[in-house]
């Protein structure tokens, strides 16, 4: 993790007080809707996530801060 990534991680951790974000929180950080985040997940092109077992069997999706930071800082496309 470089300095930019460490600073971003620290800022997000201080803001949300957790090491993993909900879908709504992750979407807000990424500047997209929850529906778009879900679509990116389904297409396999969004940030890495974890699925936790919950009562009822649906599972809660959480996005680790490190995955969000990596997605924001490493997902750049260079144009000509």
Protein backbone atom coordinates (compact mmCIF):
# COMPACT_ATOMS: atom_id res chain seq x y z
CA UNK A 1 0.00 0.00 0.00
CA UNK A 2 1.50 3.34 -1.01
CA UNK A 3 1.13 6.62 0.88
CA UNK A 4 -1.98 7.73 -1.03
CA UNK A 5 -3.68 4.42 -0.32
CA UNK A 6 -2.74 4.55 3.39
CA UNK A 7 -4.11 8.09 3.68
CA UNK A 8 -7.34 7.14 1.93
CA UNK A 9 -7.73 4.04 4.11
CA UNK A 10 -7.15 6.10 7.25
CA UNK A 11 -9.68 8.72 6.18
CA UNK A 12 -12.33 6.11 5.37
CA UNK A 13 -11.71 4.24 8.63
CA UNK A 14 -11.99 7.45 10.64
CA UNK A 15 -15.20 8.35 8.82
CA UNK A 16 -16.98 4.98 9.04
CA UNK A 17 -15.30 3.49 12.17
CA UNK A 18 -15.20 0.03 10.56
CA UNK A 19 -12.91 -1.99 8.31
CA UNK A 20 -15.74 -3.06 5.98
CA UNK A 21 -18.52 -0.98 4.44
CA UNK A 22 -22.14 -1.79 3.71
CA UNK A 23 -23.38 -1.65 0.12
CA UNK A 24 -24.86 1.80 0.75
CA UNK A 25 -21.65 3.14 2.31
CA UNK A 26 -19.46 1.66 -0.44
CA UNK A 27 -21.68 3.15 -3.15
CA UNK A 28 -21.47 6.57 -1.49
CA UNK A 29 -17.65 6.42 -1.31
CA UNK A 30 -17.46 5.37 -4.97
CA UNK A 31 -19.93 8.05 -6.04
CA UNK A 32 -22.38 5.59 -7.60
CA UNK A 33 -25.81 4.23 -6.77
CA UNK A 34 -26.32 0.97 -4.87
CA UNK A 35 -27.94 -0.43 -8.02
CA UNK A 36 -24.81 0.37 -10.04
CA UNK A 37 -22.60 -1.18 -7.35
CA UNK A 38 -24.76 -4.33 -7.47
CA UNK A 39 -24.50 -4.40 -11.25
CA UNK A 40 -20.70 -4.07 -11.10
CA UNK A 41 -20.64 -6.95 -8.60
CA UNK A 42 -22.80 -9.14 -10.83
CA UNK A 43 -20.57 -8.37 -13.83
CA UNK A 44 -17.44 -9.16 -11.82
CA UNK A 45 -15.90 -5.73 -12.39
CA UNK A 46 -16.60 -4.02 -9.07
CA UNK A 47 -14.52 -3.96 -5.91
CA UNK A 48 -13.91 -7.21 -4.05
CA UNK A 49 -16.50 -8.01 -1.41
CA UNK A 50 -17.28 -10.44 1.39
CA UNK A 51 -20.56 -12.21 1.93
CA UNK A 52 -21.44 -12.98 5.54
CA UNK A 53 -24.01 -15.57 6.53
CA UNK A 54 -27.06 -14.06 8.17
CA UNK A 55 -30.27 -15.49 9.59
CA UNK A 56 -32.63 -16.19 6.71
CA UNK A 57 -29.80 -17.25 4.41
CA UNK A 58 -29.58 -14.15 2.19
CA UNK A 59 -26.13 -13.10 3.38
CA UNK A 60 -24.86 -9.59 4.05
CA UNK A 61 -22.44 -8.14 1.52
CA UNK A 62 -19.59 -6.07 2.96
CA UNK A 63 -16.82 -4.25 1.12
CA UNK A 64 -13.47 -4.25 2.95
CA UNK A 65 -11.91 -0.78 3.06
CA UNK A 66 -8.72 -2.14 1.52
CA UNK A 67 -10.75 -3.39 -1.49
CA UNK A 68 -12.44 0.00 -1.88
CA UNK A 69 -9.10 1.82 -1.66
CA UNK A 70 -7.55 -0.55 -4.18
CA UNK A 71 -10.50 -0.16 -6.56
CA UNK A 72 -10.31 3.63 -6.37
CA UNK A 73 -6.55 3.87 -6.84
CA UNK A 74 -5.80 0.98 -9.21
CA UNK A 75 -8.80 1.01 -11.53
CA UNK A 76 -7.65 3.83 -13.80
CA UNK A 77 -7.73 3.58 -17.58
CA UNK A 78 -5.28 5.60 -19.63
CA UNK A 79 -6.63 7.21 -22.77
CA UNK A 80 -4.67 8.12 -25.87
